Protein backbone atom coordinates (compact mmCIF):
# COMPACT_ATOMS: atom_id res chain seq x y z
CA MET A 1 -22.11 -56.42 -4.65
CA LYS A 2 -18.47 -56.16 -3.61
CA LEU A 3 -15.66 -56.00 -6.12
CA PHE A 4 -13.58 -59.14 -6.54
CA PHE A 5 -10.33 -60.10 -8.23
CA LEU A 6 -10.74 -61.06 -11.87
CA LEU A 7 -8.17 -61.53 -14.57
CA LEU A 8 -9.84 -61.91 -17.94
CA LEU A 9 -7.44 -62.35 -20.84
CA TRP A 10 -8.92 -62.00 -24.32
CA VAL A 11 -11.92 -64.17 -23.54
CA PRO A 12 -14.10 -64.42 -26.65
CA LEU A 13 -17.77 -63.62 -26.25
CA PHE A 14 -18.67 -65.93 -29.10
CA GLY A 15 -17.61 -69.40 -30.15
CA VAL A 16 -16.60 -70.83 -26.78
CA GLU A 17 -17.13 -74.54 -27.30
CA ARG A 18 -14.15 -76.21 -25.60
CA ILE A 19 -13.55 -75.32 -21.95
CA ILE A 20 -11.10 -76.71 -19.42
CA ALA A 21 -12.06 -76.20 -15.75
CA LEU A 22 -9.12 -76.24 -13.35
CA SER A 23 -11.00 -76.40 -10.05
CA PRO A 24 -13.99 -78.36 -8.71
CA ALA A 25 -15.91 -75.13 -8.01
CA ILE A 26 -15.47 -73.81 -11.54
CA ASN A 27 -16.31 -77.19 -13.05
CA GLU A 28 -19.54 -77.34 -11.02
CA MET A 29 -20.46 -73.79 -11.99
CA ILE A 30 -20.16 -74.58 -15.69
CA PHE A 31 -22.32 -77.68 -15.35
CA THR A 32 -24.88 -75.80 -13.25
CA LEU A 33 -25.06 -73.19 -16.02
CA ASP A 34 -26.11 -76.06 -18.33
CA ASN A 35 -22.87 -75.96 -20.32
CA GLY A 36 -21.21 -79.13 -19.08
CA ASN A 37 -21.14 -80.43 -22.65
CA LYS A 38 -18.52 -77.78 -23.39
CA VAL A 39 -16.14 -79.04 -20.72
CA VAL A 40 -13.44 -81.01 -22.55
CA GLY A 41 -11.16 -81.38 -19.54
CA ASN A 42 -10.98 -80.85 -15.79
CA THR A 43 -8.98 -82.01 -12.76
CA GLU A 44 -8.89 -85.26 -10.84
CA TYR A 45 -10.93 -83.64 -8.07
CA CYS A 46 -13.80 -82.62 -10.35
CA THR A 47 -16.22 -85.40 -9.45
CA THR A 48 -19.56 -83.59 -9.44
CA PRO A 49 -21.80 -84.03 -11.31
CA LYS A 50 -21.20 -87.64 -12.35
CA GLU A 51 -20.70 -86.57 -15.96
CA ALA A 52 -17.64 -84.62 -14.86
CA ILE A 53 -15.88 -87.81 -13.76
CA ARG A 54 -15.72 -89.03 -17.35
CA LYS A 55 -14.07 -85.87 -18.65
CA PRO A 56 -10.34 -86.07 -19.54
CA LYS A 57 -8.17 -85.18 -16.53
CA VAL A 58 -5.34 -82.68 -16.81
CA GLY A 59 -3.91 -83.23 -13.32
CA GLY A 60 -4.72 -82.07 -9.80
CA TYR A 61 -5.86 -78.71 -8.47
CA PHE A 62 -2.29 -77.65 -7.70
CA SER A 63 -0.57 -79.70 -10.39
CA PRO A 64 -2.30 -79.38 -13.78
CA SER A 65 -0.28 -80.50 -16.77
CA LEU A 66 0.39 -77.81 -19.36
CA GLU A 67 0.96 -80.50 -22.00
CA LYS A 68 -2.42 -82.15 -21.32
CA ILE A 69 -4.19 -78.80 -21.40
CA VAL A 70 -2.64 -77.85 -24.74
CA ALA A 71 -3.41 -81.29 -26.21
CA LEU A 72 -7.15 -80.75 -25.59
CA SER A 73 -7.16 -77.58 -27.75
CA PRO A 74 -9.38 -75.50 -25.46
CA ASP A 75 -11.07 -72.27 -26.50
CA LEU A 76 -10.98 -71.17 -22.87
CA VAL A 77 -9.30 -72.28 -19.64
CA ILE A 78 -11.05 -71.16 -16.45
CA MET A 79 -9.13 -71.38 -13.19
CA GLN A 80 -8.79 -69.96 -9.71
CA ASP A 81 -5.88 -67.71 -8.85
CA ASN A 82 -3.59 -70.36 -7.38
CA ASP A 83 -1.14 -70.78 -10.27
CA LEU A 84 0.02 -67.53 -11.85
CA PRO A 85 2.96 -69.16 -13.73
CA LEU A 86 0.54 -71.52 -15.48
CA THR A 87 -1.67 -68.57 -16.43
CA GLN A 88 1.33 -66.80 -17.96
CA LYS A 89 2.37 -69.89 -19.92
CA LEU A 90 -1.14 -70.35 -21.30
CA THR A 91 -1.26 -66.72 -22.34
CA GLN A 92 2.10 -67.00 -24.07
CA LEU A 93 0.72 -69.95 -26.03
CA GLY A 94 -2.29 -67.89 -27.10
CA ILE A 95 -4.77 -69.88 -25.01
CA LYS A 96 -7.64 -67.75 -23.70
CA THR A 97 -7.68 -67.73 -19.90
CA MET A 98 -10.12 -66.61 -17.22
CA VAL A 99 -8.79 -66.44 -13.65
CA LEU A 100 -11.19 -66.05 -10.74
CA HIS A 101 -10.72 -65.43 -7.04
CA ILE A 102 -13.47 -67.39 -5.29
CA ASP A 103 -13.62 -67.41 -1.49
CA THR A 104 -16.53 -65.22 -0.34
CA ILE A 105 -20.26 -65.28 -1.01
CA ASP A 106 -20.00 -62.21 -3.24
CA SER A 107 -17.12 -63.69 -5.20
CA ILE A 108 -19.09 -66.92 -5.72
CA LYS A 109 -22.01 -64.93 -7.08
CA ASN A 110 -19.77 -62.74 -9.24
CA ALA A 111 -17.97 -65.81 -10.59
CA PHE A 112 -21.29 -67.21 -11.80
CA PHE A 113 -22.03 -64.03 -13.75
CA THR A 114 -18.49 -63.87 -15.15
CA ILE A 115 -18.47 -67.49 -16.33
CA ALA A 116 -21.99 -67.09 -17.68
CA GLN A 117 -21.02 -64.22 -19.98
CA PRO A 118 -19.10 -66.13 -22.68
CA LEU A 119 -21.62 -68.99 -22.32
CA HIS A 120 -24.61 -66.63 -22.76
CA ALA A 121 -26.12 -68.07 -19.59
CA GLN A 122 -26.67 -64.86 -17.63
CA ALA A 123 -30.33 -65.62 -16.90
CA LYS A 124 -29.42 -68.97 -15.39
CA ALA A 125 -26.68 -67.31 -13.30
CA ALA A 126 -29.18 -64.79 -11.97
CA ARG A 127 -31.51 -67.57 -10.82
CA ILE A 128 -28.66 -69.34 -9.00
CA VAL A 129 -27.64 -66.13 -7.25
CA GLN A 130 -31.24 -65.59 -6.16
CA LYS A 131 -31.28 -69.08 -4.61
CA ILE A 132 -28.08 -68.34 -2.69
CA ASP A 133 -29.56 -65.11 -1.34
CA LYS A 134 -32.80 -66.85 -0.40
CA SER A 135 -30.94 -69.56 1.52
CA LEU A 136 -28.97 -66.95 3.45
CA LEU A 137 -32.17 -65.12 4.38
CA GLY A 138 -33.54 -68.39 5.73
CA LEU A 139 -30.89 -68.39 8.44
CA LYS A 140 -32.10 -65.24 10.13
CA GLY A 141 -33.77 -65.52 13.50
CA VAL A 142 -33.08 -69.19 14.20
CA VAL A 143 -30.60 -68.51 17.01
CA ASN A 144 -28.66 -65.31 17.65
CA ASN A 145 -25.44 -64.06 19.20
CA LYS A 146 -23.81 -67.48 19.48
CA LYS A 147 -20.07 -67.94 19.00
CA ILE A 148 -19.69 -70.53 16.25
CA LEU A 149 -16.43 -72.33 15.48
CA ILE A 150 -16.10 -74.11 12.14
CA VAL A 151 -13.34 -76.72 12.22
CA ILE A 152 -11.87 -77.83 8.90
CA GLY A 153 -10.96 -81.49 8.66
CA SER A 154 -11.57 -84.24 11.18
CA PRO A 155 -8.93 -83.95 13.91
CA THR A 156 -9.03 -86.81 16.42
CA ASP A 157 -6.17 -85.43 18.49
CA LEU A 158 -6.72 -81.85 19.64
CA SER A 159 -3.17 -81.55 20.92
CA LYS A 160 -2.10 -81.13 17.30
CA GLU A 161 -2.82 -78.40 14.76
CA ILE A 162 -6.49 -77.51 14.38
CA TYR A 163 -7.55 -75.73 11.19
CA VAL A 164 -10.57 -73.46 11.45
CA ALA A 165 -12.50 -71.02 9.28
CA GLY A 166 -11.15 -67.52 9.75
CA GLN A 167 -12.30 -64.19 8.43
CA ASN A 168 -12.85 -63.32 4.77
CA LEU A 169 -14.27 -66.72 3.84
CA TYR A 170 -17.83 -67.67 2.93
CA PHE A 171 -18.05 -69.69 6.17
CA ASP A 172 -17.55 -66.51 8.17
CA GLU A 173 -20.17 -64.71 6.06
CA ILE A 174 -22.70 -67.49 6.55
CA ILE A 175 -22.22 -67.28 10.32
CA GLU A 176 -22.68 -63.51 10.17
CA ALA A 177 -25.78 -63.79 7.95
CA SER A 178 -27.37 -66.04 10.58
CA GLY A 179 -27.07 -63.35 13.26
CA ASN A 180 -24.22 -65.10 15.04
CA VAL A 181 -20.46 -64.53 15.25
CA ASN A 182 -17.36 -66.46 14.29
CA ALA A 183 -15.75 -67.70 17.51
CA LEU A 184 -12.42 -66.71 16.00
CA GLN A 185 -12.28 -62.93 15.94
CA SER A 186 -8.94 -61.85 14.53
CA SER A 187 -7.27 -60.51 11.42
CA ARG A 188 -6.29 -64.04 10.43
CA LYS A 189 -7.95 -64.85 7.14
CA GLY A 190 -8.56 -68.10 5.30
CA GLN A 191 -7.94 -71.24 7.34
CA PRO A 192 -5.69 -70.33 10.29
CA VAL A 193 -4.22 -72.99 12.59
CA LEU A 194 -5.16 -72.91 16.27
CA ASN A 195 -4.06 -74.87 19.32
CA LEU A 196 -6.29 -76.28 22.04
CA GLU A 197 -5.50 -73.47 24.46
CA LYS A 198 -6.81 -70.90 21.99
CA ILE A 199 -10.04 -72.84 21.47
CA LEU A 200 -10.61 -73.07 25.21
CA THR A 201 -10.10 -69.32 25.49
CA MET A 202 -12.61 -68.65 22.68
CA ASN A 203 -15.18 -70.88 24.42
CA PRO A 204 -17.42 -71.46 21.36
CA ASP A 205 -21.14 -72.04 21.86
CA ILE A 206 -21.44 -74.20 18.75
CA VAL A 207 -18.75 -76.28 17.01
CA ILE A 208 -19.25 -77.51 13.46
CA ILE A 209 -16.63 -79.98 12.20
CA LEU A 210 -16.29 -80.25 8.42
CA ALA A 211 -15.31 -83.88 7.94
CA PRO A 212 -16.02 -85.04 4.37
CA LEU A 213 -13.10 -87.51 4.31
CA MET A 214 -14.02 -89.60 7.35
CA LYS A 215 -14.67 -92.71 5.29
CA GLU A 216 -11.47 -92.40 3.26
CA ARG A 217 -9.46 -91.91 6.46
CA HIS A 218 -11.25 -94.81 8.20
CA ILE A 219 -12.40 -92.47 10.95
CA THR A 220 -15.71 -92.97 12.73
CA ARG A 221 -18.14 -90.33 13.94
CA GLU A 222 -17.31 -91.24 17.54
CA MET A 223 -13.58 -90.78 16.91
CA VAL A 224 -14.22 -87.24 15.67
CA LEU A 225 -16.63 -86.23 18.44
CA ALA A 226 -14.90 -87.85 21.42
CA PRO A 227 -12.05 -85.33 21.95
CA TRP A 228 -14.52 -82.43 21.94
CA ARG A 229 -17.09 -83.80 24.37
CA ASN A 230 -15.13 -83.29 27.57
CA LEU A 231 -13.70 -79.88 26.78
CA PRO A 232 -14.67 -77.10 29.23
CA ILE A 233 -16.47 -75.08 26.57
CA ASN A 234 -20.11 -74.09 26.15
CA ALA A 235 -20.53 -76.25 23.04
CA SER A 236 -19.61 -79.35 25.03
CA ARG A 237 -21.86 -78.47 27.96
CA THR A 238 -24.90 -78.01 25.71
CA ARG A 239 -24.00 -80.87 23.34
CA SER A 240 -23.76 -78.43 20.47
CA ILE A 241 -20.98 -80.18 18.57
CA PHE A 242 -21.90 -81.26 15.05
CA ILE A 243 -20.31 -83.04 12.09
CA GLU A 244 -20.88 -81.89 8.50
CA LYS A 245 -19.98 -84.79 6.21
CA GLY A 246 -21.04 -83.20 2.92
CA GLU A 247 -17.98 -82.69 0.70
CA TYR A 248 -19.81 -79.78 -0.90
CA ALA A 249 -19.22 -77.71 2.24
CA GLY A 250 -15.70 -76.92 1.09
CA ILE A 251 -16.50 -76.20 -2.56
CA PRO A 252 -17.53 -72.59 -3.33
CA SER A 253 -20.00 -73.33 -6.11
CA ASP A 254 -23.81 -73.34 -6.25
CA ARG A 255 -23.70 -76.21 -3.77
CA VAL A 256 -22.88 -73.66 -1.10
CA ILE A 257 -26.70 -73.57 -0.90
CA ARG A 258 -26.66 -77.13 0.45
CA PHE A 259 -24.15 -76.17 3.13
CA ILE A 260 -26.17 -73.08 4.06
CA ASP A 261 -29.24 -75.28 4.45
CA ASP A 262 -27.27 -77.81 6.53
CA PHE A 263 -25.98 -74.95 8.66
CA GLY A 264 -29.55 -73.78 9.23
CA GLY A 265 -30.52 -77.29 10.26
CA ILE A 266 -27.71 -77.34 12.81
CA LEU A 267 -28.87 -74.03 14.27
CA ARG A 268 -32.38 -75.39 14.62
CA GLU A 269 -31.05 -78.47 16.43
CA THR A 270 -29.40 -76.28 19.06
CA LYS A 271 -32.83 -74.96 20.04
CA HIS A 272 -34.07 -78.39 21.16
């Protein structure tokens, strides 16, 4: 298992009863480890499971309120590494903080084990990791050597910026685990922005559009698919353009299993 970034500041191994989760992924991990009752606060975007909606909100993913966090008297605040100043302020106030970098499959698995430690839920974490590995193995041999482009968002105008999954993300690893390749082969990590000319040059065999906010944006399935259908790319010629509406696709928690399974279903559809 690869090493990953972890900042663990005086986290107690005993007596953790009041936790604040500052990202949807971390919130879901805690609940999946059967410790959701210890979550006393989370963010506005922590909506899964349903019990998480009723938890006190301390702000958004990029804008948590220090005052609200302090008012909840947490034993431990668990967050991703997107707000170093907040981490420093919490530490100065004597609030125990765990900071995780979660963007790859290995880091997702490692995060489960790290969060499980103060919760004494290591056995549960191990079972979740086994399920992730099993789902990845299930992708092998469906189709091979296809160039797969994962588009992030639901662009209806391809003349504008198009965000895609680059290297060093779990999307890229899932493609690789399936025996295929990311259509974007470059040193650009995370979610790089491409233009239409670049996509035409890549000529992907399969396009998967992550569009969980279609309903909120009042966008229909046809509006998302239409600009892709007439492009001179292999995916258009073989009708291998798909929409993934599950909001879990963009959350690196145990629900990555659901996206992996959806991804496998898409690969199987391309064979028909």
